[in-house]
Amino acid sequence: MKPDKSRSGCPDPSTNALQWGIKVKSSNFLVIESDASRAQAIVSALSFLGYRPVLADRVDADETGEQWRGAFVGTVEDEAQLEQFLASLGRNARNLPMLVAADSPVATSLIADDARSQLIELIDLPLRYERLAEAMRSLQTRVEPIAASRRFVGQSGPMQRVNALIRQVAPFDSSVLVLGESGSGKELVARTIHDCSPRRDKPFVAINCGAIPAELLESELFGHEKGAFTGAISTRKGRFEMAEGGTLFLDEIGDMSLPMQVKLLRVLQERVFERVGGNRAQRCDVRIIAATHRNLEEFIERGSFREDLFYRLSVFPLEMPSLRQRLEDLPALIGEFNQRLVQRGLSRVRFAPSAMNALRQHGWPGNVRELSNLVERMAILMPHGEVRGMDLPEKYRGALPIEEVTGAALIAMMEEQPMIADSFAYGEGDPSVLPLEGLDLKDHLAGIEIGLIRQALNSANGVVAHAAKLLRVQRTTLVEKLRKYGLSETVQAG
């Protein structure tokens, strides 16, 4: 006897209206799959998990405003067809998490796309319930942190100025050149300008000009025709076509070769381009936002960057401050990163005052990206404790207060000053008398404490419990001090 699926809550594929495009109210998961049998299995599986899937070619115009939770990408002709399906969702197509079949023709290109790779989960077919559920959970944990990352954090003066400039330039189509050090948030500026502009319902397409070989960059930007070069087995859209009506973000523009700069300048001037291997001019309507950590004016003097392209791009220059210029935002940034870590299943990081002071002294060559990486690293290393200055990686410690210097470091310091070490640690001289030249009180007291601990351990033959009685402290207190001063290797259990 077959189970009654209407009672069990498991949809019957044979009667599921979703899969064949009968009008569906409030769909929230797009299925891009041209193979009918695979499409049926995918729609049924997603429905069973509680989603409301709809085939891409059956999306109604009144559904484009829905809150889409994801898309399945399977058998599709090429990227152009994929972009066409996604474009039907309007602004919802941006930042859409995707479940991509491992054998999909566009799987490799999607993973290689920096703007989308973080929101993609590969999955093998045929579908298995456990793997599908796991993949959906994995996608869900990535959506919130990435959405949260696309907003500025901090109320420092430099950041207030950046926000004001973004509000001023966003409504217009003027080209923007974002300057700033690596890791300072230049792409976030570009995305924010796009999100605040009249083009926000159109695509935001990013490309890193420094990460693509010069001989391939032209194809990436303008696309190519089938057979244009070895390996061009099909016609492919370029980033200009993908960004039509929206914004094209050219990251690391300073790393673009001179020949490519000439071709880009022509497109910016005439707003037309040709695919590689083609002879048909295509018009384009895109807003250009470029970014670089290079000093382009110096590059112009050296002849490695075109002056006319520079002025074409920098209609509205906007410089991002480095993290060391906005140190007052450190607590807010750490709080933001903590929220993202919690959403990913990690613990919050608590920094002691000594650690915060050390972080304020650091130069932050990697800026906000470096801080984000450090917070995540400490969340892994110390998931349930407070991070003190001495717990930070060595390059972040700076000048630590004496109470947080490790025992080995303190002993080394005392060895460099043998007179102080001898008089304080072993009772030679009067430790209560202030020397004429003065002294460092913390060093002085630490030296006395080390000397008394050593004497107690000697008298107790290295037995911690007996030494603790001589010093009138709890055994756990003495154990902590032994760790603090690096003396634990010289004692016995007890």
Protein backbone atom coordinates (compact mmCIF):
# COMPACT_ATOMS: atom_id res chain seq x y z
CA MET A 1 0.00 0.00 0.00
CA LYS A 2 1.39 3.35 -1.03
CA PRO A 3 1.70 6.01 1.68
CA ASP A 4 -0.74 8.91 1.60
CA LYS A 5 1.63 11.75 0.70
CA SER A 6 -1.03 14.38 1.22
CA ARG A 7 -1.10 13.37 4.88
CA SER A 8 2.65 12.95 5.31
CA GLY A 9 3.44 16.40 3.94
CA CYS A 10 5.67 15.04 1.16
CA PRO A 11 4.53 16.50 -2.18
CA ASP A 12 3.49 14.11 -4.91
CA PRO A 13 5.61 14.90 -8.01
CA SER A 14 2.84 13.76 -10.30
CA THR A 15 0.44 16.39 -8.98
CA ASN A 16 2.85 19.18 -8.07
CA ALA A 17 1.70 22.27 -9.95
CA LEU A 18 4.95 24.07 -9.24
CA GLN A 19 7.02 21.92 -11.53
CA TRP A 20 5.08 22.62 -14.71
CA GLY A 21 4.63 26.35 -14.31
CA ILE A 22 0.99 26.52 -13.27
CA LYS A 23 0.69 29.89 -11.60
CA VAL A 24 2.48 29.79 -8.27
CA LYS A 25 1.93 32.39 -5.57
CA SER A 26 5.00 33.76 -3.79
CA SER A 27 7.68 31.53 -5.30
CA ASN A 28 11.00 31.84 -3.49
CA PHE A 29 13.40 29.44 -5.23
CA LEU A 30 14.28 29.64 -8.91
CA VAL A 31 15.03 26.38 -10.77
CA ILE A 32 17.11 26.76 -13.94
CA GLU A 33 17.08 23.31 -15.51
CA SER A 34 16.21 22.47 -19.14
CA ASP A 35 16.09 18.69 -18.56
CA ALA A 36 12.44 17.98 -17.71
CA SER A 37 13.03 14.86 -15.60
CA ARG A 38 15.79 16.51 -13.56
CA ALA A 39 13.66 19.62 -13.13
CA GLN A 40 10.82 17.49 -11.74
CA ALA A 41 13.11 15.82 -9.19
CA ILE A 42 14.64 19.14 -8.09
CA VAL A 43 11.28 20.91 -7.70
CA SER A 44 9.91 18.01 -5.65
CA ALA A 45 12.97 17.87 -3.39
CA LEU A 46 12.95 21.63 -2.74
CA SER A 47 9.22 21.56 -2.04
CA PHE A 48 9.77 18.78 0.48
CA LEU A 49 12.30 21.02 2.29
CA GLY A 50 9.72 23.77 2.57
CA TYR A 51 10.73 26.00 -0.35
CA ARG A 52 8.38 27.21 -3.09
CA PRO A 53 10.31 26.51 -6.31
CA VAL A 54 9.36 27.63 -9.80
CA LEU A 55 10.95 26.92 -13.17
CA ALA A 56 12.89 29.87 -14.57
CA ASP A 57 10.85 30.12 -17.77
CA ARG A 58 7.59 30.24 -15.78
CA VAL A 59 8.31 33.22 -13.53
CA ASP A 60 5.49 35.78 -13.62
CA ALA A 61 6.27 39.46 -13.87
CA ASP A 62 4.50 40.12 -10.58
CA GLU A 63 6.86 37.72 -8.80
CA THR A 64 10.04 39.72 -9.47
CA GLY A 65 9.53 41.61 -6.22
CA GLU A 66 9.47 38.47 -4.11
CA GLN A 67 12.17 37.69 -1.55
CA TRP A 68 13.99 34.96 -3.47
CA ARG A 69 15.94 32.62 -1.20
CA GLY A 70 18.07 30.95 -3.84
CA ALA A 71 18.40 29.38 -7.26
CA PHE A 72 19.26 25.95 -8.59
CA VAL A 73 21.48 26.05 -11.69
CA GLY A 74 21.69 22.87 -13.71
CA THR A 75 21.54 22.26 -17.46
CA VAL A 76 21.83 25.64 -19.16
CA GLU A 77 23.23 26.59 -22.57
CA ASP A 78 25.77 29.16 -21.41
CA GLU A 79 26.32 32.13 -19.10
CA ALA A 80 24.28 34.38 -21.37
CA GLN A 81 21.18 32.22 -20.90
CA LEU A 82 21.82 32.06 -17.15
CA GLU A 83 22.07 35.86 -16.91
CA GLN A 84 18.86 36.15 -18.91
CA PHE A 85 16.98 33.96 -16.44
CA LEU A 86 18.44 35.79 -13.43
CA ALA A 87 17.63 39.18 -14.94
CA SER A 88 13.93 38.29 -14.69
CA LEU A 89 14.25 38.60 -10.92
CA GLY A 90 15.32 42.25 -11.06
CA ARG A 91 17.43 43.42 -8.12
CA ASN A 92 16.82 40.09 -6.37
CA ALA A 93 19.27 38.47 -8.80
CA ARG A 94 22.15 40.21 -7.08
CA ASN A 95 23.73 38.28 -4.25
CA LEU A 96 21.41 35.32 -4.82
CA PRO A 97 22.70 32.08 -3.23
CA MET A 98 22.99 29.34 -5.81
CA LEU A 99 22.87 25.57 -5.66
CA VAL A 100 24.87 24.53 -8.73
CA ALA A 101 24.92 21.04 -10.24
CA ALA A 102 28.51 19.83 -10.41
CA ASP A 103 28.00 18.83 -14.06
CA SER A 104 26.48 22.17 -15.08
CA PRO A 105 28.20 23.76 -18.10
CA VAL A 106 28.54 27.04 -16.17
CA ALA A 107 29.75 25.59 -12.85
CA THR A 108 33.43 26.40 -13.44
CA SER A 109 32.81 29.99 -14.51
CA LEU A 110 30.48 30.65 -11.57
CA ILE A 111 33.05 29.43 -9.07
CA ALA A 112 35.72 31.59 -10.72
CA ASP A 113 33.53 34.69 -10.43
CA ASP A 114 34.71 36.59 -7.32
CA ALA A 115 31.37 38.34 -6.99
CA ARG A 116 29.45 35.05 -6.72
CA SER A 117 31.84 32.34 -5.55
CA GLN A 118 31.02 32.82 -1.85
CA LEU A 119 27.33 32.18 -2.50
CA ILE A 120 27.68 28.96 -4.48
CA GLU A 121 27.34 25.37 -3.29
CA LEU A 122 28.15 22.55 -5.71
CA ILE A 123 26.01 19.44 -5.51
CA ASP A 124 26.12 16.10 -7.34
CA LEU A 125 23.12 14.60 -9.07
CA PRO A 126 21.01 12.55 -8.59
CA LEU A 127 19.90 14.43 -5.49
CA ARG A 128 20.04 12.82 -2.06
CA TYR A 129 17.97 14.30 0.72
CA GLU A 130 20.76 14.48 3.32
CA ARG A 131 23.19 16.17 0.92
CA LEU A 132 20.54 18.62 -0.32
CA ALA A 133 19.58 19.60 3.25
CA GLU A 134 23.25 20.03 4.15
CA ALA A 135 23.86 22.18 1.07
CA MET A 136 20.89 24.43 1.87
CA ARG A 137 22.10 24.90 5.45
CA SER A 138 25.55 25.78 4.16
CA LEU A 139 24.12 28.37 1.79
CA GLN A 140 21.96 29.88 4.50
CA THR A 141 24.94 30.44 6.82
CA ARG A 142 26.67 32.44 4.09
CA VAL A 143 23.80 34.73 3.15
CA GLU A 144 23.57 36.80 6.33
CA PRO A 145 27.30 37.48 6.84
CA ILE A 146 27.73 38.58 3.23
CA ALA A 147 24.67 40.79 3.35
CA ALA A 148 25.92 42.30 6.60
CA SER A 149 29.38 42.85 5.17
CA ARG A 150 27.97 45.21 2.57
CA ARG A 151 27.48 48.09 4.93
CA PHE A 152 29.90 50.49 6.49
CA VAL A 153 30.72 50.25 10.17
CA GLY A 154 32.10 53.05 12.27
CA GLN A 155 31.29 56.65 13.12
CA SER A 156 34.77 58.16 12.87
CA GLY A 157 35.26 61.44 11.06
CA PRO A 158 36.89 59.86 7.98
CA MET A 159 34.03 57.36 7.59
CA GLN A 160 31.40 60.07 7.94
CA ARG A 161 33.08 61.95 5.10
CA VAL A 162 33.10 58.81 2.93
CA ASN A 163 29.40 58.22 3.57
CA ALA A 164 28.60 61.83 2.70
CA LEU A 165 30.50 61.58 -0.61
CA ILE A 166 28.74 58.33 -1.50
CA ARG A 167 25.34 59.95 -0.94
CA GLN A 168 26.34 62.86 -3.17
CA VAL A 169 27.63 60.87 -6.14
CA ALA A 170 25.29 57.86 -6.09
CA PRO A 171 22.31 59.48 -7.94
CA PHE A 172 24.45 60.39 -10.95
CA ASP A 173 26.11 58.30 -13.66
CA SER A 174 29.52 59.95 -13.25
CA SER A 175 32.53 57.63 -13.24
CA VAL A 176 34.04 57.12 -9.79
CA LEU A 177 37.66 56.27 -8.98
CA VAL A 178 38.00 54.72 -5.52
CA LEU A 179 41.49 55.03 -4.07
CA GLY A 180 42.89 53.42 -0.97
CA GLU A 181 45.13 50.73 0.44
CA SER A 182 44.43 47.02 -0.01
CA GLY A 183 41.79 45.76 2.39
CA SER A 184 40.32 49.19 3.16
CA GLY A 185 36.90 48.44 1.59
CA LYS A 186 37.04 49.81 -1.96
CA GLU A 187 34.67 47.20 -3.41
CA LEU A 188 32.23 47.87 -0.58
CA VAL A 189 32.22 51.54 -1.63
CA ALA A 190 31.44 50.53 -5.21
CA ARG A 191 28.59 48.24 -4.16
CA THR A 192 27.15 50.89 -1.86
CA ILE A 193 27.18 53.50 -4.63
CA HIS A 194 25.39 51.03 -6.89
CA ASP A 195 22.82 50.14 -4.22
CA CYS A 196 22.05 53.83 -3.66
CA SER A 197 21.82 54.66 -7.36
CA PRO A 198 18.90 54.52 -9.83
CA ARG A 199 20.68 51.49 -11.36
CA ARG A 200 20.24 49.38 -8.22
CA ASP A 201 17.70 47.09 -9.93
CA LYS A 202 20.24 46.22 -12.62
CA PRO A 203 23.37 44.04 -12.33
CA PHE A 204 26.49 44.92 -10.38
CA VAL A 205 29.38 43.15 -12.11
CA ALA A 206 32.91 43.14 -10.69
CA ILE A 207 36.18 42.13 -12.32
CA ASN A 208 39.69 42.20 -10.91
CA CYS A 209 41.87 43.53 -13.71
CA GLY A 210 45.05 42.45 -11.94
CA ALA A 211 43.98 38.83 -11.48
CA ILE A 212 43.37 38.05 -15.15
CA PRO A 213 46.24 37.59 -17.64
CA ALA A 214 46.53 40.49 -20.07
CA GLU A 215 45.84 38.27 -23.09
CA LEU A 216 42.52 37.10 -21.57
CA LEU A 217 41.28 40.37 -20.10
CA GLU A 218 39.88 41.65 -23.41
CA SER A 219 37.70 38.55 -23.74
CA GLU A 220 36.57 38.85 -20.11
CA LEU A 221 35.54 42.49 -20.60
CA PHE A 222 34.06 42.43 -24.09
CA GLY A 223 33.25 38.75 -24.67
CA HIS A 224 34.19 36.67 -27.71
CA GLU A 225 32.68 34.92 -30.69
CA LYS A 226 32.87 31.20 -31.26
CA GLY A 227 36.22 30.26 -32.78
CA ALA A 228 37.81 33.64 -32.02
CA PHE A 229 40.82 31.86 -30.52
CA THR A 230 41.90 28.41 -29.42
CA GLY A 231 39.50 27.22 -26.77
CA ALA A 232 36.65 29.55 -27.76
CA ILE A 233 34.19 26.71 -28.33
CA SER A 234 31.12 28.94 -27.97
CA THR A 235 30.09 32.58 -28.03
CA ARG A 236 30.45 34.22 -24.64
CA LYS A 237 29.25 37.47 -23.16
CA GLY A 238 31.74 39.83 -21.59
CA ARG A 239 31.38 41.81 -18.37
CA PHE A 240 30.17 44.92 -20.23
CA GLU A 241 27.21 42.97 -21.62
CA MET A 242 26.52 41.31 -18.28
CA ALA A 243 26.42 44.71 -16.57
CA GLU A 244 24.12 46.31 -19.16
CA GLY A 245 22.00 48.96 -17.47
CA GLY A 246 23.89 48.53 -14.21
CA THR A 247 27.38 49.07 -12.81
CA LEU A 248 30.73 47.63 -13.87
CA PHE A 249 33.38 47.64 -11.14
CA LEU A 250 36.96 47.54 -12.46
CA ASP A 251 39.08 46.59 -9.47
CA GLU A 252 42.88 47.09 -9.53
CA ILE A 253 42.66 49.21 -12.67
CA GLY A 254 46.28 50.24 -12.13
CA ASP A 255 47.42 46.73 -13.08
CA MET A 256 45.84 46.88 -16.55
CA SER A 257 48.27 46.71 -19.49
CA LEU A 258 48.74 49.74 -21.76
CA PRO A 259 47.22 48.07 -24.88
CA MET A 260 44.14 47.16 -22.86
CA GLN A 261 43.95 50.70 -21.49
CA VAL A 262 43.65 52.00 -25.05
CA LYS A 263 40.72 49.67 -25.80
CA LEU A 264 38.98 50.53 -22.55
CA LEU A 265 39.37 54.26 -23.21
CA ARG A 266 37.63 53.86 -26.57
CA VAL A 267 34.69 52.11 -24.94
CA LEU A 268 34.38 54.79 -22.28
CA GLN A 269 34.48 57.54 -24.88
CA GLU A 270 32.17 56.05 -27.50
CA ARG A 271 30.12 53.63 -25.38
CA VAL A 272 30.50 50.92 -28.02
CA PHE A 273 32.58 47.74 -28.13
CA GLU A 274 33.13 44.63 -30.21
CA ARG A 275 33.49 41.07 -29.04
CA VAL A 276 36.85 39.43 -29.65
CA GLY A 277 36.64 37.84 -33.10
CA GLY A 278 33.56 39.84 -34.00
CA ASN A 279 32.96 42.86 -36.20
CA ARG A 280 29.61 44.08 -34.95
CA ALA A 281 29.71 47.16 -32.76
CA GLN A 282 27.49 46.91 -29.68
CA ARG A 283 26.34 49.85 -27.64
CA CYS A 284 26.54 49.66 -23.85
CA ASP A 285 24.91 51.52 -21.01
CA VAL A 286 26.94 50.91 -17.87
CA ARG A 287 28.25 53.04 -15.06
CA ILE A 288 31.97 52.62 -14.47
CA ILE A 289 33.48 52.51 -10.98
CA ALA A 290 37.20 51.78 -10.88
CA ALA A 291 39.49 51.17 -7.92
CA THR A 292 43.19 50.87 -7.24
CA HIS A 293 45.71 50.87 -4.41
CA ARG A 294 48.33 52.25 -6.80
CA ASN A 295 49.38 55.89 -7.12
CA LEU A 296 48.16 56.43 -10.68
CA GLU A 297 49.73 59.86 -10.99
CA GLU A 298 53.14 58.31 -10.39
CA PHE A 299 52.30 55.62 -12.94
CA ILE A 300 51.45 58.35 -15.45
CA GLU A 301 54.86 59.97 -14.91
CA ARG A 302 56.56 56.61 -15.48
CA GLY A 303 54.52 56.00 -18.62
CA SER A 304 52.71 52.91 -17.34
CA PHE A 305 49.23 54.46 -17.15
CA ARG A 306 47.50 56.66 -19.70
CA GLU A 307 46.75 60.18 -18.55
CA ASP A 308 43.61 60.47 -20.70
CA LEU A 309 42.19 57.26 -19.18
CA PHE A 310 42.97 58.53 -15.70
CA TYR A 311 40.94 61.68 -16.22
CA ARG A 312 38.15 59.72 -17.86
CA LEU A 313 37.89 57.45 -14.80
CA SER A 314 38.45 59.99 -12.04
CA VAL A 315 35.51 62.28 -12.65
CA PHE A 316 34.71 61.77 -8.98
CA PRO A 317 37.72 60.50 -6.98
CA LEU A 318 36.92 59.04 -3.57
CA GLU A 319 39.66 57.98 -1.17
CA MET A 320 39.07 55.34 1.47
CA PRO A 321 40.86 55.97 4.78
CA SER A 322 43.22 53.32 6.09
CA LEU A 323 42.34 51.58 9.34
CA ARG A 324 45.12 53.38 11.21
CA GLN A 325 43.36 56.65 10.30
CA ARG A 326 40.13 55.48 11.93
CA LEU A 327 41.28 53.53 14.99
CA GLU A 328 38.29 54.79 16.97
CA ASP A 329 36.19 52.42 14.83
CA LEU A 330 38.08 49.34 16.11
CA PRO A 331 35.46 48.33 18.73
CA ALA A 332 32.60 48.74 16.26
CA LEU A 333 34.42 46.75 13.59
CA ILE A 334 35.25 43.95 16.03
CA GLY A 335 31.61 43.87 17.12
CA GLU A 336 30.51 43.56 13.50
CA PHE A 337 32.95 40.73 12.82
CA ASN A 338 31.76 38.97 15.98
CA GLN A 339 28.20 39.01 14.67
CA ARG A 340 29.31 37.38 11.44
CA LEU A 341 31.31 34.74 13.33
CA VAL A 342 28.31 33.84 15.49
CA GLN A 343 26.19 33.41 12.36
CA ARG A 344 28.81 30.97 11.07
CA GLY A 345 28.78 28.96 14.30
CA LEU A 346 31.95 30.36 15.89
CA SER A 347 32.23 32.02 19.30
CA ARG A 348 32.47 35.72 19.98
CA VAL A 349 35.94 37.11 20.65
CA ARG A 350 36.47 39.18 23.81
CA PHE A 351 39.52 41.43 23.79
CA ALA A 352 40.95 42.59 27.13
CA PRO A 353 42.00 46.25 27.47
CA SER A 354 45.65 45.26 27.04
CA ALA A 355 44.80 43.54 23.73
CA MET A 356 42.83 46.55 22.50
CA ASN A 357 45.74 48.83 23.37
CA ALA A 358 48.09 46.55 21.44
CA LEU A 359 45.75 46.58 18.42
CA ARG A 360 45.68 50.39 18.48
CA GLN A 361 49.48 50.41 18.27
CA HIS A 362 49.59 48.10 15.24
CA GLY A 363 50.18 49.61 11.78
CA TRP A 364 47.45 47.57 9.99
CA PRO A 365 49.02 47.24 6.54
CA GLY A 366 46.13 44.94 5.57
CA ASN A 367 43.51 47.32 6.98
CA VAL A 368 39.96 46.09 7.71
CA ARG A 369 40.55 42.78 5.92
CA GLU A 370 43.54 42.12 8.19
CA LEU A 371 41.46 42.91 11.28
CA SER A 372 38.68 40.59 10.11
CA ASN A 373 41.16 37.76 9.63
CA LEU A 374 42.68 38.35 13.08
CA VAL A 375 39.30 38.29 14.83
CA GLU A 376 38.42 35.01 13.12
CA ARG A 377 41.80 33.51 14.02
CA MET A 378 41.38 34.41 17.70
CA ALA A 379 37.83 33.01 17.67
CA ILE A 380 39.32 29.67 16.63
CA LEU A 381 42.29 29.77 19.01
CA MET A 382 40.45 31.07 22.09
CA PRO A 383 36.75 30.30 21.67
CA HIS A 384 35.79 30.66 25.33
CA GLY A 385 38.38 32.93 26.88
CA GLU A 386 39.32 36.58 26.94
CA VAL A 387 42.12 37.54 24.57
CA ARG A 388 44.88 39.36 26.42
CA GLY A 389 47.74 41.23 24.81
CA MET A 390 50.10 38.28 25.35
CA ASP A 391 47.63 35.97 23.53
CA LEU A 392 47.82 37.95 20.29
CA PRO A 393 50.15 36.81 17.50
CA GLU A 394 53.60 38.27 18.10
CA LYS A 395 53.44 41.01 15.49
CA TYR A 396 50.31 42.47 17.11
CA ARG A 397 51.55 42.57 20.71
CA GLY A 398 53.47 45.84 20.65
CA ALA A 399 54.67 47.07 24.05
CA LEU A 400 52.79 44.93 26.59
CA PRO A 401 52.36 45.87 30.26
CA ILE A 402 54.57 43.86 32.64
CA GLU A 403 51.71 41.77 33.99
CA GLU A 404 51.11 40.36 30.51
CA VAL A 405 54.71 39.67 29.54
CA THR A 406 55.28 35.93 29.36
CA GLY A 407 57.50 34.34 31.97
CA ALA A 408 60.25 33.60 29.46
CA ALA A 409 60.27 37.22 28.29
CA LEU A 410 60.40 38.52 31.86
CA ILE A 411 63.26 36.21 32.81
CA ALA A 412 65.16 37.29 29.70
CA MET A 413 64.63 40.90 30.69
CA MET A 414 65.97 40.22 34.17
CA GLU A 415 69.00 38.43 32.74
CA GLU A 416 69.77 41.59 30.80
CA GLN A 417 69.82 43.48 34.13
CA PRO A 418 71.65 41.06 36.47
CA MET A 419 72.11 43.56 39.30
CA ILE A 420 68.37 44.13 39.55
CA ALA A 421 67.65 40.44 39.19
CA ASP A 422 70.13 39.45 41.87
CA SER A 423 69.08 42.06 44.41
CA PHE A 424 65.33 41.54 43.90
CA ALA A 425 65.16 37.82 43.42
CA TYR A 426 67.62 36.64 45.98
CA GLY A 427 67.34 39.23 48.74
CA GLU A 428 70.70 40.96 48.27
CA GLY A 429 70.33 44.65 49.19
CA ASP A 430 67.23 46.33 50.62
CA PRO A 431 64.33 46.08 48.19
CA SER A 432 62.43 48.70 50.20
CA VAL A 433 64.97 51.43 49.43
CA LEU A 434 64.35 53.51 46.31
CA PRO A 435 67.55 53.78 44.20
CA LEU A 436 68.77 57.29 43.39
CA GLU A 437 68.15 56.74 39.70
CA GLY A 438 64.59 55.49 40.39
CA LEU A 439 63.05 52.22 39.22
CA ASP A 440 60.16 50.64 37.35
CA LEU A 441 57.75 49.64 40.11
CA LYS A 442 56.10 46.82 38.12
CA ASP A 443 59.45 45.30 37.21
CA HIS A 444 60.57 45.67 40.82
CA LEU A 445 57.54 43.90 42.31
CA ALA A 446 57.59 41.16 39.67
CA GLY A 447 61.26 40.50 40.45
CA ILE A 448 60.55 40.22 44.18
CA GLU A 449 57.65 37.84 43.50
CA ILE A 450 59.77 35.59 41.28
CA GLY A 451 62.52 35.49 43.90
CA LEU A 452 60.13 34.52 46.71
CA ILE A 453 58.46 31.85 44.56
CA ARG A 454 61.84 30.34 43.72
CA GLN A 455 62.86 30.30 47.39
CA ALA A 456 59.60 28.62 48.37
CA LEU A 457 60.01 26.00 45.66
CA ASN A 458 63.58 25.32 46.73
CA SER A 459 62.49 24.87 50.34
CA ALA A 460 59.65 22.55 49.26
CA ASN A 461 61.87 20.53 46.92
CA GLY A 462 59.79 21.71 43.96
CA VAL A 463 56.45 20.47 45.34
CA VAL A 464 53.85 23.11 44.44
CA ALA A 465 51.40 22.28 47.22
CA HIS A 466 54.10 22.68 49.92
CA ALA A 467 55.42 25.89 48.33
CA ALA A 468 51.88 27.33 48.25
CA LYS A 469 51.56 26.74 52.02
CA LEU A 470 54.84 28.58 52.64
CA LEU A 471 53.59 31.54 50.60
CA ARG A 472 50.10 31.46 52.21
CA VAL A 473 48.33 31.23 48.80
CA GLN A 474 46.03 28.73 47.20
CA ARG A 475 47.72 26.02 45.14
CA THR A 476 45.78 27.11 42.02
CA THR A 477 46.98 30.69 42.52
CA LEU A 478 50.60 29.56 42.66
CA VAL A 479 50.14 27.35 39.59
CA GLU A 480 48.84 30.36 37.68
CA LYS A 481 51.83 32.46 38.74
CA LEU A 482 54.21 29.69 37.71
CA ARG A 483 52.64 29.68 34.26
CA LYS A 484 52.73 33.47 34.15
CA TYR A 485 56.47 33.60 34.86
CA GLY A 486 57.43 30.51 32.88
CA LEU A 487 58.55 28.54 35.95
CA SER A 488 56.20 25.56 35.65
CA GLU A 489 58.82 23.31 34.05
CA THR A 490 60.93 23.38 37.23
CA VAL A 491 58.30 22.05 39.62
CA GLN A 492 56.83 18.70 40.59
CA ALA A 493 53.18 17.72 40.69
CA GLY A 494 51.62 17.94 44.10
